[in-house]
Structures are given as structure tokens and as C-alpha cells.
Protein backbone atom coordinates (compact mmCIF):
# COMPACT_ATOMS: atom_id res chain seq x y z
CA MET A 1 -0.04 -0.14 0.11
CA HIS A 2 1.20 3.33 -0.81
CA PRO A 3 1.71 5.51 2.51
CA ALA A 4 -1.05 8.13 1.01
CA ASP A 5 -3.25 5.26 0.65
CA HIS A 6 -3.16 4.31 4.22
CA PRO A 7 -6.79 4.89 5.89
CA ALA A 8 -5.18 6.64 8.77
CA ARG A 9 -3.22 8.92 6.71
CA ARG A 10 -6.17 10.01 4.44
CA ARG A 11 -8.06 10.63 7.64
CA LEU A 12 -5.10 12.83 8.88
CA ASP A 13 -4.62 14.60 5.62
CA ALA A 14 -8.40 15.66 5.53
CA ALA A 15 -8.05 16.82 9.11
CA LEU A 16 -5.08 18.95 8.09
CA SER A 17 -6.85 20.29 5.15
CA ASP A 18 -9.76 21.10 7.38
CA LEU A 19 -7.51 23.04 9.81
CA ALA A 20 -6.07 24.95 6.75
CA THR A 21 -9.59 25.97 5.76
CA VAL A 22 -11.09 26.54 9.34
CA PHE A 23 -8.04 29.01 10.34
CA HIS A 24 -7.40 30.60 7.03
CA GLY A 25 -7.18 34.41 7.49
CA MET A 26 -6.32 34.32 11.22
CA THR A 27 -4.02 36.65 12.65
CA ALA A 28 -2.63 37.59 16.26
CA ARG A 29 -4.39 40.79 17.72
CA PRO A 30 -3.40 44.19 16.31
CA ASP A 31 -1.97 45.28 19.58
CA GLU A 32 -0.19 41.84 20.18
CA ALA A 33 3.46 42.44 21.59
CA ASN A 34 6.52 40.56 22.67
CA CYS A 35 10.04 41.29 23.84
CA GLU A 36 12.17 41.94 20.80
CA CYS A 37 15.33 40.71 23.03
CA HIS A 38 13.75 37.34 24.04
CA TRP A 39 11.29 36.49 21.19
CA GLY A 40 11.99 38.32 17.92
CA SER A 41 12.15 41.65 15.93
CA ALA A 42 9.23 43.96 15.05
CA GLU A 43 9.23 42.61 11.52
CA GLU A 44 8.81 38.97 12.75
CA LEU A 45 5.82 40.23 14.85
CA SER A 46 4.07 41.89 12.02
CA LEU A 47 4.28 38.42 10.24
CA LEU A 48 2.02 37.05 12.93
CA LYS A 49 -0.53 40.00 12.12
CA THR A 50 -0.40 39.05 8.49
CA PRO A 51 -2.69 36.20 7.58
CA ASP A 52 -1.57 33.07 5.93
CA VAL A 53 2.17 34.05 5.26
CA GLU A 54 4.42 31.00 6.08
CA LEU A 55 6.99 31.46 8.96
CA ASP A 56 10.37 30.02 8.92
CA PRO A 57 10.82 27.03 11.13
CA ASP A 58 12.70 29.08 13.91
CA LEU A 59 10.09 31.67 14.00
CA LEU A 60 7.56 29.14 14.23
CA ARG A 61 9.32 27.36 17.15
CA ARG A 62 9.65 30.75 19.02
CA THR A 63 5.98 31.66 18.20
CA TRP A 64 4.28 28.31 19.76
CA GLN A 65 6.81 27.98 22.73
CA ALA A 66 6.47 31.64 23.91
CA ILE A 67 4.46 31.71 27.02
CA ASP A 68 3.75 35.42 27.35
CA TRP A 69 1.40 36.47 24.54
CA THR A 70 -1.50 38.61 25.53
CA ASP A 71 -3.70 36.38 23.75
CA HIS A 72 -2.22 33.00 23.27
CA GLY A 73 -5.23 31.68 21.37
CA ALA A 74 -5.20 34.27 18.83
CA VAL A 75 -1.33 33.48 17.94
CA LEU A 76 -2.13 29.76 18.08
CA ARG A 77 -4.79 30.21 15.61
CA ARG A 78 -2.74 32.10 13.35
CA VAL A 79 -0.16 29.51 13.27
CA LEU A 80 -2.07 26.35 13.85
CA PRO A 81 -2.22 25.12 10.16
CA GLN A 82 1.57 25.27 9.67
CA PHE A 83 2.26 24.16 13.25
CA ALA A 84 0.13 20.94 12.90
CA ALA A 85 1.91 19.94 9.70
CA ALA A 86 5.08 20.42 11.22
CA LEU A 87 4.06 18.05 14.21
CA VAL A 88 2.77 15.45 11.91
CA ALA A 89 6.01 15.65 9.74
CA GLY A 90 8.29 15.38 13.07
CA ARG A 91 9.89 18.65 12.27
CA VAL A 92 9.03 20.05 15.93
CA ASP A 93 12.03 19.57 18.33
CA PRO A 94 11.00 20.83 21.72
CA LEU A 95 13.54 21.20 24.34
CA PHE A 96 12.09 18.64 26.60
CA GLY A 97 9.39 16.69 24.87
CA LEU A 98 6.55 16.75 22.62
CA GLU A 99 4.38 17.42 25.37
CA GLU A 100 5.57 21.08 25.12
CA ALA A 101 3.69 21.42 22.01
CA GLY A 102 0.41 20.00 23.94
CA ASP A 103 1.09 22.72 26.39
CA SER A 104 0.94 25.55 23.72
CA PHE A 105 -2.52 23.96 22.60
CA ALA A 106 -3.74 24.01 26.31
CA ARG A 107 -2.56 27.72 27.13
CA GLY A 108 -4.77 28.39 23.83
CA ARG A 109 -7.68 26.87 25.51
CA TRP A 110 -8.63 25.53 22.13
CA GLN A 111 -11.61 23.46 23.56
CA ARG A 112 -13.35 26.77 24.41
CA TRP A 113 -13.00 27.98 20.90
CA PRO A 114 -16.18 27.99 18.50
CA ASP A 115 -17.40 24.57 17.63
CA GLU A 116 -16.13 24.69 14.13
CA GLN A 117 -12.66 25.48 15.43
CA ALA A 118 -12.62 23.43 18.50
CA GLY A 119 -13.86 20.44 16.49
CA ALA A 120 -11.19 20.94 13.65
CA VAL A 121 -8.32 20.80 16.44
CA ARG A 122 -10.25 17.74 18.15
CA GLU A 123 -10.31 15.79 14.85
CA PHE A 124 -6.73 16.75 14.13
CA LEU A 125 -5.67 15.19 17.29
CA HIS A 126 -7.70 11.98 17.18
CA ALA A 127 -6.56 11.57 13.30
CA TRP A 128 -2.93 12.01 14.41
CA TRP A 129 -3.07 9.82 17.21
CA ALA A 130 -4.78 6.94 15.16
CA GLN A 131 -2.07 7.38 12.54
CA SER A 132 0.64 7.10 14.93
CA LEU A 133 -0.76 3.71 16.05
CA THR A 134 -1.61 2.18 12.76
CA ASP A 135 0.51 3.79 9.93
CA PRO A 136 4.08 2.12 9.62
CA THR A 137 5.43 5.37 7.99
CA ALA A 138 4.09 7.70 10.92
CA ALA A 139 7.02 10.12 11.58
CA VAL A 140 6.66 10.54 15.45
CA PRO A 141 6.61 7.71 17.86
CA ALA A 142 3.10 6.95 19.17
CA HIS A 143 4.15 7.38 22.83
CA GLN A 144 5.19 11.10 22.13
CA VAL A 145 1.88 11.72 20.24
CA MET A 146 0.08 10.42 23.20
CA ALA A 147 1.92 12.66 25.52
CA MET A 148 1.16 15.77 23.33
CA CYS A 149 -2.58 14.87 23.07
CA ALA A 150 -3.03 14.29 26.64
CA GLU A 151 -1.27 17.63 27.66
CA ALA A 152 -3.17 19.40 24.95
CA SER A 153 -6.66 18.06 26.23
CA GLY A 154 -5.76 17.58 30.01
CA THR A 155 -6.79 13.84 29.98
CA VAL A 156 -5.57 10.37 29.02
CA ALA A 157 -9.07 8.86 28.96
CA PRO A 158 -10.15 9.56 25.10
CA TRP A 159 -6.83 8.56 23.82
CA LEU A 160 -6.65 5.17 25.57
CA ALA A 161 -10.02 4.76 24.40
CA ASP A 162 -8.96 5.22 20.90
CA TRP A 163 -6.20 2.72 21.63
CA GLU A 164 -8.62 0.09 22.75
CA GLN A 165 -10.38 0.60 19.19
CA GLN A 166 -7.10 0.04 17.29
CA PRO A 167 -6.44 -3.62 17.86
CA GLY A 168 -3.65 -5.27 15.46
CA HIS A 169 0.04 -5.96 15.26
CA LEU A 170 1.35 -2.55 14.96
CA SER A 171 -0.88 -1.06 17.45
CA ASP A 172 0.45 -3.65 19.83
CA GLN A 173 3.97 -2.92 19.05
CA ARG A 174 3.47 0.87 19.71
CA LEU A 175 2.02 -0.29 23.06
CA VAL A 176 5.21 -2.38 23.86
CA GLU A 177 7.27 0.59 23.08
CA ALA A 178 5.14 3.01 24.89
CA ALA A 179 5.25 0.57 28.11
CA GLU A 180 9.11 0.39 27.68
CA GLU A 181 9.16 4.27 27.68
CA TRP A 182 6.60 4.63 30.54
CA GLU A 183 7.28 1.70 33.06
CA TYR A 184 9.88 3.83 35.14
CA GLU A 185 7.98 6.79 36.00
CA LEU A 186 4.63 4.99 36.45
CA LEU A 187 6.40 2.61 39.09
CA GLY A 188 7.33 5.84 41.01
CA ASP A 189 3.87 7.05 40.63
CA GLN A 190 4.91 9.55 38.29
CA LEU A 191 3.41 10.62 34.84
CA PRO A 192 5.97 9.58 32.24
CA TRP A 193 6.01 13.21 30.47
CA PHE A 194 6.40 16.67 31.96
CA VAL A 195 3.03 18.37 32.83
CA ASN A 196 3.38 22.22 32.69
CA TRP A 197 -0.08 23.47 32.39
CA TYR A 198 -1.31 24.02 35.61
CA GLU A 199 -4.98 23.09 35.08
CA ASN A 200 -3.80 19.57 34.11
CA ASP A 201 -4.06 16.82 36.99
CA GLU A 202 -0.89 15.16 36.96
CA GLU A 203 -1.76 12.60 39.80
CA GLN A 204 -4.88 11.67 38.07
CA MET A 205 -3.65 11.10 34.73
CA SER A 206 -0.91 8.95 35.94
CA ALA A 207 -3.25 6.82 37.98
CA GLU A 208 -5.51 6.43 35.02
CA LEU A 209 -2.69 5.47 32.82
CA ALA A 210 -1.30 2.97 35.18
CA ALA A 211 -4.60 1.33 35.71
CA TRP A 212 -5.13 0.95 31.92
CA LEU A 213 -1.66 -0.69 31.43
CA HIS A 214 -1.99 -3.30 34.02
CA GLY A 215 -5.69 -3.79 33.24
CA HIS A 216 -6.51 -3.58 29.58
CA ALA A 217 -3.22 -3.43 28.05
CA ALA A 218 -1.43 -6.39 29.83
CA PRO A 219 -3.09 -9.22 27.70
CA ARG A 220 -2.00 -7.23 24.61
CA LEU A 221 1.62 -7.12 26.05
CA ARG A 222 1.60 -10.81 26.47
CA ALA A 223 0.15 -11.51 23.10
CA SER A 224 2.50 -9.04 21.18
CA GLY A 225 5.64 -10.74 22.77
CA ALA A 226 6.75 -8.12 25.04
CA SER A 227 9.59 -9.26 27.26
CA PRO A 228 8.73 -11.11 30.49
CA GLU A 229 10.69 -8.66 32.26
CA LEU A 230 8.64 -5.89 30.83
CA GLN A 231 5.39 -7.67 31.68
CA ARG A 232 6.34 -8.23 35.35
CA ARG A 233 7.14 -4.50 35.69
CA ILE A 234 3.71 -3.63 34.23
CA GLY A 235 2.03 -6.07 36.52
CA LEU A 236 3.73 -4.31 39.46
CA LEU A 237 1.58 -1.32 38.69
CA ALA A 238 -1.55 -3.17 40.38
CA LEU A 239 0.22 -2.83 43.55
CA THR A 240 0.75 0.36 45.68
CA GLY A 241 3.26 1.52 48.20
CA GLU A 242 5.22 -0.83 50.29
CA GLU A 243 3.77 -3.86 48.51
CA ARG A 244 5.23 -2.79 45.21
CA TRP A 245 8.67 -1.48 46.56
CA THR A 246 9.11 -4.94 48.40
CA HIS A 247 7.84 -7.30 45.54
CA PRO A 248 10.55 -9.83 44.44
CA HIS A 249 9.88 -8.39 40.79
CA TRP A 250 10.72 -4.92 41.99
CA PRO A 251 13.26 -3.96 39.36
CA GLY A 252 15.34 -1.72 41.75
CA HIS A 253 14.43 1.68 40.39
CA ARG A 254 15.50 4.58 42.43
CA TYR A 255 13.91 7.95 42.29
């Protein structure tokens, strides 16, 4: 199958096209400002107030990463079609992790936008998540997309529900890869990505993710050939406190 013919890729392409249509003509506020020393020049700022002009990659990065816009939502809407395309292509390289991009979405409060705009963002996130699970040509590892989507939305629930609806060898392999990435932090009762948006409940997300892994995901890990050691570590998530730390299978993690 040609990569462009993959069903998840077609859905994602349609979502990206919809973002371009819905957010066509968007600009930052006329009075938006930022520090020339720390963000960029007046000429660069003027580009954010000009619709549909593509930004160079460095300016795009500085724009979505900045935390001090007067109206972050308006700035995000201005860059969103280009930003989303860069995310999908793996051209976004945050300092810490892709959850930083999710934090930018959260700061923009996209879920409060008009229905057409919020719906376009929601479909993009779900389409990208599905593509990361099922398309062998996906440019970004699924566990990174999961972190981004969870941070953007403030919850892990819809993304885990989507994963349950995506059975199959590749989706299960993505699960093994994610479990390998996440087990250390989860065994320490920590979320395996950095949560910065103050409204997100890190403790709740961590607990829900751990419960899902040792519940729904455990049989899929066994069926997909995950190592016995990884399966034992995920099994420890069912235990709490001293019962976990003193279990014979405890891997000796230090926090």
C-alpha cells in the first residue's frame, strides 16, 4: 500500500486540510506584542498579524513556545495549520518533549473556541493519534503523540479509548514501545511526561494510565511478545506503596 493510501493517513490529511480551511485568514491581535530581546523583531511580529504567510521554522518554534502572549489563543490560531503540519512531519523539536507542544495547545484554551474551530482541532488530534498507532510510516513515535494529546486536552481517557479501538500487530507494537518508555516513571507514581499546564491533573492522569496498562493493556503485551521482564514490571502497577517496592519482581528503580 502506498503511504498516502493508508486509511489513517487519508483521515489525517483530511484533518490537516480542514485546519487550513477553518483557520484561513487568522491573525494575532493588532496590539499583540512581545520582547524583541527574547522573542523576535518587530518585523517578525508583523508576520503574525499578516494572515496565511508561512513562517520560517525558527520563528514558528519561537511563536508556539512563547508563554507570554497577551492572547495566546489568537496567536495559536494564526500558526495552527503550519504548526500541525510540522508536528505530523516530525519537524517540531522541543527542548524537553513533545508534551511542550501540547502545553501550547492547552494555553490557547482551544476547547473553548467556537465549535467549528474546536472540532477541527479535536479531529486533528484524534486523526494524528490514530495514524501514529496504525501507519508504519508515521514520523513521530506513538508515545510522544500520546503525551502531546494528553497535555493538549488535560486527560488520557479519550486517547486510551482510541487505543482500545485500534487492535492489530502494529498498534500492539506501539503499546510495547510505550510501556518500555513509561514503566520507570509510572512505577514511581509519576506521569511519564512533563506536565506544565497548571490546570492538568498529573496525579489523576498518572493513575488512569497505570490502571489502563496493568488492566486492558497487559493481555495485549503478552500477545505481542513483550519481554517477561516488561510484563512483570507492568504487573507491579497493580500494587501500591510498600507492597510494590518490596515485591520480588521490583526492578530496583531509584527516584
